[in-house]
Amino acid sequence: MYPVSDRFIAQLAESHRVATQVELFLTNGRVVDLEHTGGSVTVDRGQAIRRTCTVTIADPALIPRTPADQLATYGARLRISRGIDYGDGSSELVPLGVFRLDSVDGDVSEGPVTLAGKDLSAIVADDKFTSPYTATGTVVGAVTALIQRSIPDAGVLGQITDQPIGKRTFDVEADPWAGCQEIAAAAGAEVYANADGTFVIATLPDLLTATPVWAVEATEGGVYISGNRAMTSDGVHNGVLARGENTSENTAPVSYLATDDDPTSPTYWSGPFGRRPMFYSSSTLTTVNACAQAANLKLAAGKAPNASGDISSLPNPALEPGDVLRVMHEDGSRELHQVASFSVPLDVGGNFPISTISAKEDA
């Protein structure tokens, strides 16, 4: 969860004045503080581009009309925040993301106008290779090079133990952002643009060992509104065989099979669910340990659809995908949920739906 004060967390469950800010950074250097009437920021770990946004404004003057307007708008960025106005002259804003402005649409005479954008990883994804590209070195170094190839001043934060990778050559037309994810998988990690617009290389927190960051409880003074629990076997895998073979470096083939080895899990590898493996291979994997890291990362994603939940609560803009929540339902049952996606409204009121993965009973 994004760092916020104890006062902020306590105030979320009480009546409070919402504060929002939308800043538009035009390519000509101007920064415009946009008066807005609505919109939302959607954050979804399951999507290649994790953060997307829409912003509604009343003034149609922002619609590009001349070539100069278009030059200033195309390539512009949005920085969006939501927080609390404490009513004593102080406020606390939480960043929701930095976005490339992708579209401006509305009635040219009366408005309203809708702005839409994607986080900065879209810049990397759209900058497809026009010639073969070879990644080598270490996970953090190779991912940083790919990102800064498209965004030279991008900040990249490695929150993993770095390790070497095998040489990997990407073909013309390949997606560099998918390449970043492939390289990060060699360390059991994923890459994403965070709420500050910084690129992060990190592993998904373990639901069973991570400390819950927020309580969503159906009690007096709690933030719980509603919730449901679901289980499905569609698209579920309980084993991943990761393989690596790098002929250009003359390294021997390596592999590792990761399985759900928890006898209490409904997808236990040796249980009635049966064996449902998936397979992953990359030339970046040159050691058994690297294969194990990648296999365990893919296994966590492969098991995710098995147990999920949809919770509606009062909005908390500080949440991040991967955060662990302690949930207490109206019947008193308690569960631990790991955040997968949510949508933060930019207007006052409205539900705050949170989709989760890997729900577990909480003792």
Protein backbone atom coordinates (compact mmCIF):
# COMPACT_ATOMS: atom_id res chain seq x y z
CA MET A 1 0.00 0.00 0.00
CA TYR A 2 1.18 3.49 -0.79
CA PRO A 3 2.56 5.10 2.41
CA VAL A 4 -0.12 7.19 4.13
CA SER A 5 -0.66 8.48 7.65
CA ASP A 6 -2.64 6.68 10.37
CA ARG A 7 -4.98 9.66 10.27
CA PHE A 8 -5.68 8.99 6.59
CA ILE A 9 -6.59 5.31 7.20
CA ALA A 10 -8.83 6.20 10.14
CA GLN A 11 -10.60 8.93 8.17
CA LEU A 12 -11.48 6.57 5.30
CA ALA A 13 -14.15 4.92 7.47
CA GLU A 14 -15.66 8.24 8.53
CA SER A 15 -17.46 11.00 6.70
CA HIS A 16 -14.81 13.10 4.98
CA ARG A 17 -14.26 15.57 2.18
CA VAL A 18 -12.68 13.97 -0.90
CA ALA A 19 -9.81 15.82 -2.54
CA THR A 20 -8.79 15.04 -6.12
CA GLN A 21 -6.23 16.54 -8.48
CA VAL A 22 -5.64 16.09 -12.21
CA GLU A 23 -2.59 17.75 -13.74
CA LEU A 24 -2.04 17.85 -17.50
CA PHE A 25 1.58 18.15 -18.65
CA LEU A 26 1.58 19.41 -22.24
CA THR A 27 4.52 18.85 -24.55
CA ASN A 28 5.18 22.59 -24.77
CA GLY A 29 6.06 22.67 -21.09
CA ARG A 30 2.76 24.02 -19.79
CA VAL A 31 1.16 22.36 -16.78
CA VAL A 32 -2.61 22.70 -16.49
CA ASP A 33 -4.53 21.94 -13.31
CA LEU A 34 -7.73 20.50 -14.76
CA GLU A 35 -11.09 21.28 -13.23
CA HIS A 36 -12.84 17.92 -13.57
CA THR A 37 -16.31 16.57 -12.90
CA GLY A 38 -15.59 12.84 -12.77
CA GLY A 39 -13.59 9.93 -14.04
CA SER A 40 -11.74 6.98 -12.59
CA VAL A 41 -8.42 5.19 -12.42
CA THR A 42 -8.47 1.42 -12.96
CA VAL A 43 -5.60 -0.68 -11.65
CA ASP A 44 -5.48 -4.32 -12.81
CA ARG A 45 -2.56 -6.66 -12.22
CA GLY A 46 -3.94 -9.05 -14.83
CA GLN A 47 -3.53 -6.57 -17.69
CA ALA A 48 -0.29 -5.91 -19.56
CA ILE A 49 -0.83 -2.17 -19.00
CA ARG A 50 -1.62 -2.10 -15.28
CA ARG A 51 -3.08 1.42 -14.88
CA THR A 52 -5.60 3.20 -17.13
CA CYS A 53 -7.63 6.34 -16.57
CA THR A 54 -10.56 8.42 -17.76
CA VAL A 55 -11.16 12.02 -16.73
CA THR A 56 -14.28 14.07 -17.47
CA ILE A 57 -14.04 17.84 -17.76
CA ALA A 58 -16.72 20.38 -18.62
CA ASP A 59 -14.62 22.82 -20.68
CA PRO A 60 -14.38 21.88 -24.38
CA ALA A 61 -11.43 24.27 -24.87
CA LEU A 62 -9.01 21.38 -24.38
CA ILE A 63 -10.12 19.63 -27.58
CA PRO A 64 -7.26 20.09 -30.11
CA ARG A 65 -8.35 22.28 -33.02
CA THR A 66 -5.12 23.45 -34.65
CA PRO A 67 -1.84 21.69 -35.53
CA ALA A 68 -0.21 23.54 -32.62
CA ASP A 69 -2.88 22.20 -30.25
CA GLN A 70 -2.34 18.71 -31.58
CA LEU A 71 1.42 18.93 -31.13
CA ALA A 72 0.94 20.04 -27.53
CA THR A 73 -1.62 17.32 -26.78
CA TYR A 74 -0.19 14.22 -28.45
CA GLY A 75 2.47 12.93 -26.07
CA ALA A 76 1.07 14.90 -23.12
CA ARG A 77 0.81 13.25 -19.71
CA LEU A 78 -1.68 13.23 -16.87
CA ARG A 79 -0.83 12.94 -13.18
CA ILE A 80 -3.83 12.00 -11.06
CA SER A 81 -4.25 11.94 -7.27
CA ARG A 82 -7.03 11.37 -4.77
CA GLY A 83 -7.05 11.91 -1.03
CA ILE A 84 -8.68 13.64 1.89
CA ASP A 85 -9.27 17.28 2.69
CA TYR A 86 -9.19 17.29 6.49
CA GLY A 87 -11.09 20.56 6.72
CA ASP A 88 -8.49 22.23 8.95
CA GLY A 89 -6.46 23.70 6.12
CA SER A 90 -4.51 20.50 5.53
CA SER A 91 -4.99 17.66 3.06
CA GLU A 92 -3.31 14.39 2.09
CA LEU A 93 -3.20 13.31 -1.54
CA VAL A 94 -2.26 9.85 -2.80
CA PRO A 95 -0.95 9.47 -6.37
CA LEU A 96 -2.98 7.18 -8.61
CA GLY A 97 -0.62 7.16 -11.59
CA VAL A 98 1.16 9.02 -14.34
CA PHE A 99 -0.50 8.44 -17.71
CA ARG A 100 0.18 9.06 -21.36
CA LEU A 101 -2.78 11.00 -22.75
CA ASP A 102 -4.19 8.82 -25.53
CA SER A 103 -7.47 10.46 -26.49
CA VAL A 104 -9.52 13.63 -26.09
CA ASP A 105 -13.18 13.36 -27.06
CA GLY A 106 -16.24 15.55 -26.59
CA ASP A 107 -18.74 18.05 -27.96
CA VAL A 108 -16.71 20.98 -29.34
CA SER A 109 -19.36 23.52 -28.37
CA GLU A 110 -20.82 22.41 -25.07
CA GLY A 111 -18.69 19.57 -23.73
CA PRO A 112 -18.24 17.55 -21.64
CA VAL A 113 -14.85 16.23 -22.70
CA THR A 114 -13.43 12.83 -21.82
CA LEU A 115 -9.68 12.28 -21.54
CA ALA A 116 -8.32 8.73 -21.58
CA GLY A 117 -4.83 7.48 -20.89
CA LYS A 118 -2.59 4.52 -20.09
CA ASP A 119 0.35 4.32 -17.71
CA LEU A 120 3.88 4.82 -18.98
CA SER A 121 4.43 1.14 -19.74
CA ALA A 122 2.29 1.76 -22.86
CA ILE A 123 5.15 3.87 -24.23
CA VAL A 124 7.49 0.90 -23.91
CA ALA A 125 4.94 -1.55 -25.36
CA ASP A 126 4.24 0.62 -28.41
CA ASP A 127 7.92 1.11 -29.23
CA LYS A 128 8.17 -2.21 -31.09
CA PHE A 129 11.57 -3.40 -32.24
CA THR A 130 12.45 -2.31 -35.77
CA SER A 131 15.63 -4.42 -35.74
CA PRO A 132 16.71 -7.46 -33.71
CA TYR A 133 17.46 -6.56 -30.09
CA THR A 134 19.63 -8.62 -27.74
CA ALA A 135 19.16 -8.46 -23.98
CA THR A 136 21.95 -9.71 -21.74
CA GLY A 137 23.57 -9.13 -18.36
CA THR A 138 21.32 -9.20 -15.29
CA VAL A 139 17.57 -9.02 -14.75
CA VAL A 140 17.56 -5.47 -13.39
CA GLY A 141 20.10 -4.23 -15.93
CA ALA A 142 18.35 -5.78 -18.93
CA VAL A 143 14.88 -4.59 -17.90
CA THR A 144 16.19 -1.09 -17.18
CA ALA A 145 17.85 -0.95 -20.61
CA LEU A 146 14.61 -1.97 -22.33
CA ILE A 147 12.55 0.63 -20.48
CA GLN A 148 15.07 3.46 -20.92
CA ARG A 149 15.38 2.60 -24.61
CA SER A 150 11.88 4.13 -24.93
CA ILE A 151 11.88 6.53 -21.93
CA PRO A 152 15.48 7.67 -21.32
CA ASP A 153 14.69 9.45 -18.05
CA ALA A 154 12.51 6.67 -16.61
CA GLY A 155 13.13 5.69 -13.01
CA VAL A 156 13.50 1.94 -12.46
CA LEU A 157 13.41 0.48 -8.95
CA GLY A 158 14.68 -3.07 -8.53
CA GLN A 159 13.22 -4.66 -5.39
CA ILE A 160 14.66 -8.10 -6.03
CA THR A 161 17.96 -9.90 -5.60
CA ASP A 162 19.47 -9.33 -9.03
CA GLN A 163 20.75 -12.29 -11.01
CA PRO A 164 22.29 -12.99 -14.42
CA ILE A 165 20.23 -14.01 -17.42
CA GLY A 166 20.99 -15.88 -20.60
CA LYS A 167 21.31 -13.91 -23.81
CA ARG A 168 17.89 -13.28 -25.36
CA THR A 169 17.41 -11.89 -28.87
CA PHE A 170 14.01 -10.38 -29.70
CA ASP A 171 12.83 -10.30 -33.31
CA VAL A 172 11.60 -7.34 -35.33
CA GLU A 173 8.03 -6.36 -34.33
CA ALA A 174 8.37 -7.96 -30.88
CA ASP A 175 6.84 -6.19 -27.87
CA PRO A 176 9.54 -4.73 -25.57
CA TRP A 177 7.16 -4.60 -22.60
CA ALA A 178 6.44 -8.32 -22.96
CA GLY A 179 10.21 -8.73 -23.15
CA CYS A 180 10.56 -6.93 -19.81
CA GLN A 181 8.12 -9.38 -18.23
CA GLU A 182 9.95 -12.37 -19.71
CA ILE A 183 13.28 -11.19 -18.35
CA ALA A 184 11.85 -10.39 -14.92
CA ALA A 185 10.34 -13.87 -14.73
CA ALA A 186 13.88 -15.28 -14.56
CA ALA A 187 13.99 -13.81 -11.04
CA GLY A 188 10.40 -14.77 -10.20
CA ALA A 189 9.40 -11.12 -10.57
CA GLU A 190 7.09 -8.86 -12.54
CA VAL A 191 7.49 -5.32 -13.87
CA TYR A 192 4.96 -2.51 -13.63
CA ALA A 193 4.62 1.26 -13.47
CA ASN A 194 3.58 2.30 -9.97
CA ALA A 195 1.42 5.17 -8.75
CA ASP A 196 4.37 7.60 -8.91
CA GLY A 197 5.17 6.70 -12.53
CA THR A 198 8.28 4.78 -11.47
CA PHE A 199 8.91 1.34 -12.96
CA VAL A 200 9.19 -1.39 -10.33
CA ILE A 201 10.70 -4.87 -10.59
CA ALA A 202 9.27 -6.90 -7.70
CA THR A 203 7.88 -10.25 -6.63
CA LEU A 204 4.25 -10.81 -5.68
CA PRO A 205 3.87 -10.87 -1.87
CA ASP A 206 3.06 -14.27 -0.36
CA LEU A 207 -0.53 -14.28 0.91
CA LEU A 208 0.36 -16.53 3.85
CA THR A 209 3.33 -14.52 5.13
CA ALA A 210 2.55 -10.92 4.13
CA THR A 211 1.14 -8.60 6.77
CA PRO A 212 -2.39 -7.39 5.92
CA VAL A 213 -2.32 -3.68 5.09
CA TRP A 214 -6.01 -2.87 5.56
CA ALA A 215 -9.04 -4.30 7.33
CA VAL A 216 -12.31 -4.43 5.40
CA GLU A 217 -14.83 -5.37 8.06
CA ALA A 218 -18.62 -5.46 8.28
CA THR A 219 -18.67 -3.83 11.70
CA GLU A 220 -19.81 -0.49 13.03
CA GLY A 221 -17.31 2.04 11.75
CA GLY A 222 -15.96 -0.46 9.19
CA VAL A 223 -15.50 0.14 5.45
CA TYR A 224 -17.16 -3.08 4.21
CA ILE A 225 -20.19 -2.68 1.92
CA SER A 226 -20.66 -6.12 0.32
CA GLY A 227 -18.72 -9.16 -0.84
CA ASN A 228 -18.89 -12.50 -2.56
CA ARG A 229 -16.60 -15.49 -2.95
CA ALA A 230 -16.06 -17.61 -6.07
CA MET A 231 -14.16 -20.72 -7.10
CA THR A 232 -13.56 -22.06 -10.60
CA SER A 233 -11.32 -24.56 -12.32
CA ASP A 234 -11.42 -22.75 -15.66
CA GLY A 235 -7.91 -21.77 -16.71
CA VAL A 236 -6.40 -23.12 -13.49
CA HIS A 237 -3.01 -24.84 -13.53
CA ASN A 238 -1.45 -26.52 -10.51
CA GLY A 239 1.97 -27.17 -12.00
CA VAL A 240 4.43 -25.27 -14.17
CA LEU A 241 7.41 -26.76 -15.97
CA ALA A 242 9.89 -23.98 -16.74
CA ARG A 243 12.68 -24.77 -19.18
CA GLY A 244 15.71 -22.91 -20.39
CA GLU A 245 18.10 -23.66 -23.25
CA ASN A 246 20.52 -21.13 -24.66
CA THR A 247 22.37 -22.48 -27.69
CA SER A 248 24.11 -19.15 -28.36
CA GLU A 249 25.94 -19.45 -25.04
CA ASN A 250 26.38 -23.22 -25.19
CA THR A 251 24.69 -23.77 -21.83
CA ALA A 252 23.13 -27.11 -20.97
CA PRO A 253 19.33 -27.33 -20.90
CA VAL A 254 17.81 -26.76 -17.45
CA SER A 255 14.30 -27.20 -16.12
CA TYR A 256 12.22 -27.12 -12.95
CA LEU A 257 8.70 -28.34 -12.19
CA ALA A 258 6.83 -26.28 -9.60
CA THR A 259 3.62 -27.80 -8.24
CA ASP A 260 0.95 -26.95 -5.71
CA ASP A 261 2.30 -29.05 -2.84
CA ASP A 262 -0.18 -27.88 -0.18
CA PRO A 263 -2.35 -30.90 0.79
CA THR A 264 -5.04 -28.51 2.08
CA SER A 265 -5.28 -26.70 -1.26
CA PRO A 266 -8.16 -27.58 -3.60
CA THR A 267 -5.64 -27.62 -6.45
CA TYR A 268 -3.15 -29.92 -4.68
CA TRP A 269 -0.95 -31.58 -7.33
CA SER A 270 -1.54 -35.06 -5.90
CA GLY A 271 -5.18 -34.47 -4.96
CA PRO A 272 -8.56 -35.09 -6.61
CA PHE A 273 -8.20 -31.94 -8.73
CA GLY A 274 -5.75 -33.89 -10.86
CA ARG A 275 -2.58 -32.74 -12.56
CA ARG A 276 -2.98 -29.76 -14.87
CA PRO A 277 0.47 -28.50 -15.83
CA MET A 278 1.41 -25.56 -18.01
CA PHE A 279 4.77 -24.97 -19.72
CA TYR A 280 7.09 -22.01 -20.00
CA SER A 281 10.42 -21.66 -21.76
CA SER A 282 12.90 -18.84 -22.30
CA SER A 283 16.56 -18.55 -23.25
CA THR A 284 16.98 -16.16 -20.31
CA LEU A 285 16.77 -19.19 -17.98
CA THR A 286 20.25 -20.66 -17.65
CA THR A 287 20.15 -22.22 -14.17
CA VAL A 288 17.80 -24.52 -12.28
CA ASN A 289 17.30 -21.74 -9.74
CA ALA A 290 16.18 -19.33 -12.46
CA CYS A 291 13.79 -21.96 -13.77
CA ALA A 292 12.44 -22.45 -10.25
CA GLN A 293 11.89 -18.72 -9.82
CA ALA A 294 10.04 -18.45 -13.11
CA ALA A 295 8.00 -21.61 -12.48
CA ASN A 296 6.87 -20.44 -9.05
CA LEU A 297 5.89 -17.03 -10.44
CA LYS A 298 3.82 -18.63 -13.19
CA LEU A 299 2.34 -21.12 -10.71
CA ALA A 300 1.08 -18.30 -8.49
CA ALA A 301 -0.69 -16.82 -11.50
CA GLY A 302 -1.89 -20.23 -12.68
CA LYS A 303 -3.56 -21.03 -9.37
CA ALA A 304 -5.05 -17.54 -8.98
CA PRO A 305 -8.42 -18.16 -10.71
CA ASN A 306 -9.12 -21.03 -8.30
CA ALA A 307 -10.30 -18.78 -5.46
CA SER A 308 -11.36 -15.21 -5.92
CA GLY A 309 -13.58 -12.60 -4.40
CA ASP A 310 -15.30 -9.35 -5.19
CA ILE A 311 -15.48 -6.89 -2.33
CA SER A 312 -17.13 -3.52 -2.30
CA SER A 313 -15.87 -1.04 0.27
CA LEU A 314 -15.40 2.64 0.88
CA PRO A 315 -12.63 3.91 -1.46
CA ASN A 316 -8.99 3.57 -0.46
CA PRO A 317 -6.77 5.17 -3.14
CA ALA A 318 -3.60 3.95 -1.41
CA LEU A 319 -4.14 0.28 -2.30
CA GLU A 320 -1.80 -1.57 -4.67
CA PRO A 321 -2.25 -4.89 -6.48
CA GLY A 322 -0.72 -7.64 -4.35
CA ASP A 323 -1.73 -6.00 -1.08
CA VAL A 324 -3.19 -8.43 1.45
CA LEU A 325 -6.51 -7.46 3.06
CA ARG A 326 -8.16 -8.86 6.17
CA VAL A 327 -11.86 -9.18 5.37
CA MET A 328 -14.70 -9.88 7.77
CA HIS A 329 -18.07 -10.57 6.17
CA GLU A 330 -21.48 -9.83 7.64
CA ASP A 331 -21.83 -13.42 8.85
CA GLY A 332 -18.65 -13.04 10.90
CA SER A 333 -16.47 -15.21 8.67
CA ARG A 334 -12.92 -13.95 8.20
CA GLU A 335 -10.67 -14.26 5.16
CA LEU A 336 -7.39 -13.00 3.80
CA HIS A 337 -7.62 -11.65 0.27
CA GLN A 338 -4.91 -10.50 -2.13
CA VAL A 339 -5.80 -7.49 -4.26
CA ALA A 340 -5.89 -8.12 -8.02
CA SER A 341 -7.71 -5.07 -9.38
CA PHE A 342 -9.80 -2.08 -8.36
CA SER A 343 -11.16 1.18 -9.73
CA VAL A 344 -10.80 4.48 -7.88
CA PRO A 345 -13.49 7.09 -8.64
CA LEU A 346 -12.53 10.73 -9.07
CA ASP A 347 -15.90 11.99 -7.91
CA VAL A 348 -17.45 11.91 -4.46
CA GLY A 349 -19.29 8.76 -3.45
CA GLY A 350 -19.69 5.60 -5.46
CA ASN A 351 -18.68 2.07 -4.61
CA PHE A 352 -15.09 0.90 -4.62
CA PRO A 353 -15.05 -2.61 -6.13
CA ILE A 354 -11.99 -4.73 -5.36
CA SER A 355 -11.36 -8.01 -7.17
CA THR A 356 -9.08 -10.39 -5.34
CA ILE A 357 -7.19 -13.60 -5.87
CA SER A 358 -6.06 -16.41 -3.59
CA ALA A 359 -8.65 -15.86 -0.86
CA LYS A 360 -7.82 -17.88 2.26
CA GLU A 361 -9.70 -18.45 5.51
CA ASP A 362 -8.28 -16.30 8.28
CA ALA A 363 -7.96 -17.91 11.68
